[in-house]
Amino acid sequence: MNSNLLPLPTWSKEDLAVLDGTFFEAPQICHKAKKKQCKKYYESIELRKGFHECPMGLSSYSSGEEGQSIVTAVRIADTYDGKKLKQEDAFLPTLPKKVVLDSFFKTRHLTADGHLKVQVKAPLEAGGVIGAGAVEDKDLVDFSLHEIRKFNTQIKRCAEELMLSAINPDNKFAGYVELKSKSIFASSSMLSTRLSVYDFEANPEIITSSTQRASLYKKFDKARRVLDVYAKDQRVRIDQFVGASYYEMDGYQVLDFLPFVILENAIKYSPKEQDVSVVFDDTHSSLKVTVSSLGPKNTKEDLREVFVKRGRGRVARSLDTSGGGYGLYFGKLICDLHGINISVDSDDSVLSFNGLEYSMFTVELRLQK
């Protein structure tokens, strides 16, 4: 019996086959594929949240949760190989990533509330052994709590300094209040984005329940202003933006996190007295945002790990031991949710600071209008 309640085809671990969706059948190419090859592929992506390309050239989406359905055997924008799929009429039209995510989360919300609760508890009920899925959730919770405590400590410290300075105010008090207020606002804003990201992982139905019109340019500008104090503390400058954009798109609240994590990483990993540049290239058909800064030298292997959960480059780990390797992982998921293509690059030329190798690191966002 077909247990797939999603409208799109999904992979079945029990049957070692792609099951038809409630509305769309699995293509013939899947029925002809080698089961061992397919099994190996789906096992490799089950705990890797995001969009993937299967060995046959079609797209898949995994929620990263053990036991959850993997949507597959369709063409999803930017994640399939057209050269392998010569007979286009044999497949569904190319689907936007947002359509696939909406379908997945709405179906799960309607059918799986009770199942999900059992699934979270199950690894602890089997002889008291914690499963891999539970460990992953614990890592995220621990990291989120670490980040929340960090920003809460900063807010508390700034508030205490303000109260102490207010006892005997001097001529510089007004400027001091403004500076500390900016620090409190920055920490509070960064705390809010972290909580949104945690909701995105733990309660995706909440995050994707409604959209509003959003401007990437305005969100980057807000992040720049909020991070100004942090940049000054690190003695790093965020240059005035090159170019502008008036384009607005439908965006979820979690989109706020994207410019924050990109600019925050650029500031955090940059040597002192360096600049971070942000360039907007807005045309009638597309929008490109390029963020460039001097950062730790990345090998090709490091770059492949950038968007993987807990993935961090060798030099980056030595520079900042407190990071969890979640930032660009979530950044990529947020981009996928909004139909934004994100890519990174590390320049071949190398500079040395304090015995560590640095090169120009670039994050590029591309959006088709």
Protein backbone atom coordinates (compact mmCIF):
# COMPACT_ATOMS: atom_id res chain seq x y z
CA MET A 1 0.00 0.00 0.00
CA ASN A 2 1.31 3.44 -0.92
CA SER A 3 1.75 5.41 2.34
CA ASN A 4 2.88 8.62 0.64
CA LEU A 5 0.41 11.43 1.44
CA LEU A 6 2.44 14.14 -0.28
CA PRO A 7 1.29 15.27 -3.75
CA LEU A 8 4.83 14.73 -5.08
CA PRO A 9 6.77 11.42 -5.29
CA THR A 10 8.85 10.36 -2.26
CA TRP A 11 11.54 7.78 -1.49
CA SER A 12 10.52 4.74 0.55
CA LYS A 13 13.25 3.09 2.67
CA GLU A 14 11.08 0.03 3.21
CA ASP A 15 10.37 -0.58 -0.49
CA LEU A 16 13.72 0.75 -1.76
CA ALA A 17 11.71 2.58 -4.40
CA VAL A 18 10.23 5.95 -5.30
CA LEU A 19 6.52 6.02 -4.41
CA ASP A 20 3.94 7.90 -6.47
CA GLY A 21 2.56 11.08 -4.94
CA THR A 22 -1.16 11.56 -4.38
CA PHE A 23 -1.30 13.73 -7.52
CA PHE A 24 1.87 12.99 -9.48
CA GLU A 25 3.43 9.65 -10.42
CA ALA A 26 7.11 8.78 -10.20
CA PRO A 27 8.73 8.96 -13.67
CA GLN A 28 9.82 5.79 -15.51
CA ILE A 29 13.48 6.74 -15.10
CA CYS A 30 13.14 6.00 -11.37
CA HIS A 31 11.68 2.53 -11.94
CA LYS A 32 14.66 1.68 -14.16
CA ALA A 33 17.30 3.02 -11.74
CA LYS A 34 19.62 0.72 -9.78
CA LYS A 35 18.24 0.18 -6.28
CA LYS A 36 21.65 -0.02 -4.59
CA GLN A 37 22.73 3.27 -6.12
CA CYS A 38 19.46 4.94 -5.09
CA LYS A 39 19.60 3.49 -1.57
CA LYS A 40 23.13 4.84 -1.06
CA TYR A 41 22.13 8.28 -2.35
CA TYR A 42 19.02 8.63 -0.15
CA GLU A 43 20.89 7.40 2.92
CA SER A 44 23.52 10.08 2.28
CA ILE A 45 20.97 12.93 2.19
CA GLU A 46 18.47 11.81 4.84
CA LEU A 47 20.11 13.90 7.59
CA ARG A 48 21.32 16.68 5.26
CA LYS A 49 18.58 19.29 5.15
CA GLY A 50 18.18 20.99 1.78
CA PHE A 51 17.89 20.38 -1.95
CA HIS A 52 19.99 17.74 -3.71
CA GLU A 53 20.50 16.19 -7.15
CA CYS A 54 19.98 12.43 -7.48
CA PRO A 55 22.24 10.16 -9.60
CA MET A 56 19.63 10.18 -12.39
CA GLY A 57 19.74 13.98 -12.59
CA LEU A 58 16.42 14.73 -10.84
CA SER A 59 15.90 16.83 -7.71
CA SER A 60 15.25 15.80 -4.10
CA TYR A 61 14.37 17.65 -0.91
CA SER A 62 15.29 16.32 2.54
CA SER A 63 14.08 17.90 5.79
CA GLY A 64 17.20 16.54 7.53
CA GLU A 65 15.07 14.65 10.04
CA GLU A 66 15.45 10.92 10.48
CA GLY A 67 12.37 9.03 9.32
CA GLN A 68 10.82 11.96 7.43
CA SER A 69 9.78 11.62 3.79
CA ILE A 70 12.23 12.73 1.10
CA VAL A 71 10.52 14.48 -1.80
CA THR A 72 12.18 13.34 -5.03
CA ALA A 73 11.92 12.49 -8.74
CA VAL A 74 10.91 16.00 -9.80
CA ARG A 75 12.70 18.94 -11.36
CA ILE A 76 13.28 21.69 -8.80
CA ALA A 77 14.81 25.00 -9.89
CA ASP A 78 18.64 25.00 -9.89
CA THR A 79 18.92 21.43 -8.57
CA TYR A 80 18.61 19.10 -11.56
CA ASP A 81 20.82 18.12 -14.49
CA GLY A 82 19.13 18.96 -17.79
CA LYS A 83 21.74 17.04 -19.78
CA LYS A 84 20.73 13.77 -18.12
CA LEU A 85 17.02 14.44 -18.63
CA LYS A 86 16.70 14.54 -22.39
CA GLN A 87 12.97 13.80 -22.69
CA GLU A 88 11.52 16.79 -20.86
CA ASP A 89 7.92 15.82 -21.59
CA ALA A 90 8.42 12.73 -19.41
CA PHE A 91 8.77 14.87 -16.27
CA LEU A 92 6.80 17.48 -14.39
CA PRO A 93 7.55 21.14 -15.24
CA THR A 94 10.37 22.69 -13.21
CA LEU A 95 9.04 23.62 -9.77
CA PRO A 96 10.15 26.64 -7.70
CA LYS A 97 11.75 25.65 -4.39
CA LYS A 98 9.06 27.54 -2.49
CA VAL A 99 6.31 25.36 -4.01
CA VAL A 100 8.07 22.17 -2.87
CA LEU A 101 8.67 23.52 0.65
CA ASP A 102 5.08 24.75 1.01
CA SER A 103 3.76 21.35 -0.12
CA PHE A 104 6.05 19.47 2.26
CA PHE A 105 5.33 21.55 5.37
CA LYS A 106 1.58 21.86 4.79
CA THR A 107 1.23 18.10 4.34
CA ARG A 108 3.30 17.44 7.44
CA HIS A 109 1.28 19.97 9.44
CA LEU A 110 -2.01 18.35 8.42
CA THR A 111 -1.03 14.72 8.95
CA ALA A 112 1.95 14.33 11.23
CA ASP A 113 1.58 16.25 14.51
CA GLY A 114 1.22 13.10 16.60
CA HIS A 115 3.77 11.19 14.56
CA LEU A 116 6.41 13.87 15.03
CA LYS A 117 6.05 13.81 18.81
CA VAL A 118 6.57 10.04 18.84
CA GLN A 119 9.50 10.40 16.50
CA VAL A 120 11.32 12.82 18.80
CA LYS A 121 10.81 10.53 21.80
CA ALA A 122 11.54 7.27 19.98
CA PRO A 123 15.36 7.42 20.15
CA LEU A 124 15.11 7.69 23.96
CA GLU A 125 12.60 4.87 24.38
CA ALA A 126 14.63 2.16 22.64
CA GLY A 127 16.69 0.96 25.60
CA GLY A 128 17.60 4.50 26.64
CA VAL A 129 19.86 4.95 23.63
CA ILE A 130 19.93 8.42 22.06
CA GLY A 131 19.62 8.28 18.27
CA ALA A 132 21.53 10.39 15.76
CA GLY A 133 18.51 12.64 15.16
CA ALA A 134 18.22 13.45 18.87
CA VAL A 135 21.94 14.31 19.07
CA GLU A 136 21.58 16.69 16.12
CA ASP A 137 18.67 18.46 17.82
CA LYS A 138 20.65 18.73 21.05
CA ASP A 139 23.59 20.30 19.20
CA LEU A 140 21.31 22.95 17.73
CA VAL A 141 19.64 23.65 21.08
CA ASP A 142 23.03 23.93 22.83
CA PHE A 143 24.37 26.29 20.18
CA SER A 144 21.20 28.41 20.20
CA LEU A 145 21.31 28.71 23.99
CA HIS A 146 25.00 29.67 23.79
CA GLU A 147 24.19 32.45 21.30
CA ILE A 148 21.21 33.68 23.34
CA ARG A 149 23.28 33.80 26.54
CA LYS A 150 26.05 35.67 24.70
CA PHE A 151 23.78 38.44 23.42
CA ASN A 152 21.82 38.57 26.68
CA THR A 153 25.10 39.11 28.57
CA GLN A 154 26.00 41.96 26.23
CA ILE A 155 22.60 43.60 26.75
CA LYS A 156 22.90 43.22 30.53
CA ARG A 157 26.44 44.64 30.58
CA CYS A 158 25.48 47.70 28.50
CA ALA A 159 22.41 48.34 30.68
CA GLU A 160 24.52 48.17 33.86
CA GLU A 161 27.09 50.57 32.40
CA LEU A 162 24.30 53.01 31.51
CA MET A 163 22.85 52.88 35.02
CA LEU A 164 26.24 53.47 36.63
CA SER A 165 27.11 56.37 34.33
CA ALA A 166 23.70 57.99 34.99
CA ILE A 167 24.56 58.39 38.69
CA ASN A 168 27.15 61.10 37.95
CA PRO A 169 26.53 62.27 34.37
CA ASP A 170 29.11 64.52 32.70
CA ASN A 171 29.25 66.46 29.43
CA LYS A 172 29.89 63.29 27.45
CA PHE A 173 26.93 61.44 28.94
CA ALA A 174 24.56 62.02 25.98
CA GLY A 175 27.05 60.59 23.49
CA TYR A 176 27.76 57.68 25.82
CA VAL A 177 24.04 56.90 26.12
CA GLU A 178 23.67 56.93 22.33
CA LEU A 179 26.60 54.53 21.89
CA LYS A 180 25.36 52.09 24.52
CA SER A 181 21.80 52.29 23.19
CA LYS A 182 23.10 51.29 19.77
CA SER A 183 24.94 48.35 21.35
CA ILE A 184 21.78 47.22 23.14
CA PHE A 185 19.74 47.57 19.93
CA ALA A 186 22.36 45.59 17.99
CA SER A 187 22.47 42.74 20.51
CA SER A 188 18.67 42.64 20.73
CA SER A 189 18.33 42.54 16.92
CA MET A 190 20.91 39.76 16.61
CA LEU A 191 19.14 37.85 19.37
CA SER A 192 15.84 38.14 17.46
CA THR A 193 17.37 36.78 14.25
CA ARG A 194 18.82 33.80 16.18
CA LEU A 195 15.40 32.99 17.62
CA SER A 196 13.82 33.17 14.15
CA VAL A 197 16.43 30.74 12.84
CA TYR A 198 15.80 28.34 15.71
CA ASP A 199 12.07 28.47 14.87
CA PHE A 200 12.95 27.82 11.23
CA GLU A 201 14.63 24.55 12.22
CA ALA A 202 12.33 23.48 15.06
CA ASN A 203 8.95 24.84 13.87
CA PRO A 204 9.15 25.47 10.11
CA GLU A 205 5.36 25.64 9.81
CA ILE A 206 5.34 28.82 11.93
CA ILE A 207 8.04 30.53 9.88
CA THR A 208 6.44 29.67 6.52
CA SER A 209 2.86 30.51 7.50
CA SER A 210 2.84 34.04 6.04
CA THR A 211 4.89 36.35 3.83
CA GLN A 212 5.31 40.09 3.47
CA ARG A 213 6.89 42.35 0.86
CA ALA A 214 10.62 42.62 1.50
CA SER A 215 13.56 44.49 0.00
CA LEU A 216 16.97 42.80 0.14
CA TYR A 217 18.63 46.21 -0.11
CA LYS A 218 16.73 47.53 2.93
CA LYS A 219 17.46 44.37 4.91
CA PHE A 220 21.19 44.64 4.17
CA ASP A 221 21.09 48.33 5.08
CA LYS A 222 19.38 47.53 8.39
CA ALA A 223 21.95 44.80 9.13
CA ARG A 224 24.79 47.23 8.31
CA ARG A 225 23.43 49.85 10.73
CA VAL A 226 22.79 47.31 13.48
CA LEU A 227 26.27 45.76 13.10
CA ASP A 228 28.03 49.14 12.97
CA VAL A 229 28.97 49.05 16.67
CA TYR A 230 30.18 45.44 16.41
CA ALA A 231 32.28 46.37 13.36
CA LYS A 232 33.85 49.31 15.22
CA ASP A 233 34.65 47.06 18.19
CA GLN A 234 36.41 44.70 15.76
CA ARG A 235 38.07 47.70 14.01
CA VAL A 236 36.53 46.65 10.69
CA ARG A 237 34.72 49.03 8.31
CA ILE A 238 31.56 48.27 6.33
CA ASP A 239 31.86 50.47 3.24
CA GLN A 240 28.96 52.45 1.83
CA PHE A 241 27.01 50.20 -0.51
CA VAL A 242 27.84 50.34 -4.21
CA GLY A 243 24.66 50.48 -6.28
CA ALA A 244 21.09 50.28 -5.00
CA SER A 245 17.92 48.25 -5.46
CA TYR A 246 14.23 49.10 -5.17
CA TYR A 247 13.09 45.56 -5.96
CA GLU A 248 10.70 43.93 -3.48
CA MET A 249 9.86 40.24 -3.16
CA ASP A 250 7.61 38.05 -1.03
CA GLY A 251 9.67 37.14 2.02
CA TYR A 252 9.31 35.30 5.30
CA GLN A 253 10.42 36.87 8.60
CA VAL A 254 13.47 34.60 8.72
CA LEU A 255 14.88 36.43 5.66
CA ASP A 256 16.21 39.05 8.13
CA PHE A 257 18.86 36.54 9.20
CA LEU A 258 20.47 36.30 5.76
CA PRO A 259 22.23 39.72 5.57
CA PHE A 260 23.03 39.51 9.28
CA VAL A 261 24.93 36.23 9.02
CA ILE A 262 26.79 37.26 5.84
CA LEU A 263 27.93 40.64 7.22
CA GLU A 264 28.57 39.30 10.73
CA ASN A 265 30.81 36.55 9.34
CA ALA A 266 32.66 39.08 7.18
CA ILE A 267 33.33 41.26 10.24
CA LYS A 268 34.17 38.37 12.56
CA TYR A 269 36.78 36.74 10.31
CA SER A 270 38.33 39.91 8.86
CA PRO A 271 41.72 41.15 10.13
CA LYS A 272 41.61 44.55 11.84
CA GLU A 273 41.64 47.75 9.76
CA GLN A 274 40.07 46.00 6.76
CA ASP A 275 36.95 46.81 4.72
CA VAL A 276 33.79 44.87 3.91
CA SER A 277 32.21 45.80 0.57
CA VAL A 278 28.62 45.25 -0.55
CA VAL A 279 27.69 45.70 -4.22
CA PHE A 280 24.15 45.65 -5.67
CA ASP A 281 23.64 44.96 -9.37
CA ASP A 282 19.92 45.41 -10.12
CA THR A 283 18.71 44.81 -13.70
CA HIS A 284 15.24 44.39 -15.20
CA SER A 285 15.49 40.60 -14.95
CA SER A 286 17.73 39.86 -11.95
CA LEU A 287 19.29 41.13 -8.74
CA LYS A 288 22.84 40.27 -7.68
CA VAL A 289 24.34 41.10 -4.28
CA THR A 290 28.08 40.60 -3.79
CA VAL A 291 29.69 40.82 -0.34
CA SER A 292 33.51 40.77 -0.32
CA SER A 293 35.93 40.80 2.60
CA LEU A 294 39.33 39.51 3.59
CA GLY A 295 38.87 36.21 5.40
CA PRO A 296 40.63 32.94 6.24
CA LYS A 297 42.00 31.14 3.19
CA ASN A 298 39.65 28.35 2.13
CA THR A 299 40.60 25.26 0.20
CA LYS A 300 38.18 23.76 -2.34
CA GLU A 301 37.25 21.19 0.30
CA ASP A 302 36.57 23.99 2.82
CA LEU A 303 34.25 25.73 0.34
CA ARG A 304 32.27 22.52 -0.15
CA GLU A 305 31.71 22.37 3.62
CA VAL A 306 30.55 25.99 3.97
CA PHE A 307 26.85 25.17 3.54
CA VAL A 308 26.96 21.91 5.52
CA LYS A 309 25.64 21.91 9.08
CA ARG A 310 28.57 22.42 11.49
CA GLY A 311 30.91 22.74 8.51
CA ARG A 312 33.82 25.18 9.06
CA GLY A 313 37.16 25.71 7.36
CA ARG A 314 40.42 24.77 9.09
CA VAL A 315 41.66 28.37 9.51
CA ALA A 316 38.19 29.62 10.52
CA ARG A 317 38.07 27.05 13.34
CA SER A 318 41.43 28.25 14.66
CA LEU A 319 40.29 31.90 14.58
CA ASP A 320 36.93 31.42 16.31
CA THR A 321 36.43 28.38 18.51
CA SER A 322 32.97 29.50 19.70
CA GLY A 323 31.26 29.21 16.29
CA GLY A 324 28.93 26.31 15.61
CA GLY A 325 29.11 26.16 11.82
CA TYR A 326 25.39 26.91 11.50
CA GLY A 327 25.42 30.41 9.95
CA LEU A 328 25.78 29.79 6.23
CA TYR A 329 24.03 26.42 6.55
CA PHE A 330 20.89 28.28 7.62
CA GLY A 331 21.68 31.06 5.14
CA LYS A 332 21.53 28.50 2.32
CA LEU A 333 18.21 27.09 3.56
CA ILE A 334 16.74 30.59 3.74
CA CYS A 335 17.96 31.29 0.21
CA ASP A 336 16.38 28.04 -1.02
CA LEU A 337 13.10 29.02 0.62
CA HIS A 338 13.08 32.36 -1.23
CA GLY A 339 14.38 31.21 -4.63
CA ILE A 340 17.76 32.90 -4.12
CA ASN A 341 20.93 31.27 -5.44
CA ILE A 342 23.88 31.64 -3.03
CA SER A 343 27.51 30.83 -3.83
CA VAL A 344 30.89 31.45 -2.20
CA ASP A 345 34.43 31.83 -3.50
CA SER A 346 37.89 32.26 -2.01
CA ASP A 347 40.52 34.06 -4.09
CA ASP A 348 43.74 32.23 -5.01
CA SER A 349 46.02 35.07 -3.89
CA VAL A 350 47.09 34.78 -0.25
CA LEU A 351 48.05 37.36 2.40
CA SER A 352 49.48 36.59 5.82
CA PHE A 353 48.31 38.14 9.10
CA ASN A 354 49.64 36.94 12.46
CA GLY A 355 50.92 33.75 10.86
CA LEU A 356 47.55 32.85 9.30
CA GLU A 357 46.69 32.76 5.59
CA TYR A 358 43.97 35.11 4.32
CA SER A 359 42.38 35.72 0.93
CA MET A 360 39.44 37.66 -0.49
CA PHE A 361 36.23 35.79 0.39
CA THR A 362 33.10 36.51 -1.65
CA VAL A 363 29.47 35.64 -1.02
CA GLU A 364 27.17 36.15 -4.00
CA LEU A 365 23.37 36.16 -3.98
CA ARG A 366 21.45 35.92 -7.27
CA LEU A 367 17.71 36.35 -7.65
CA GLN A 368 15.71 36.07 -10.86
CA LYS A 369 12.77 38.48 -10.94
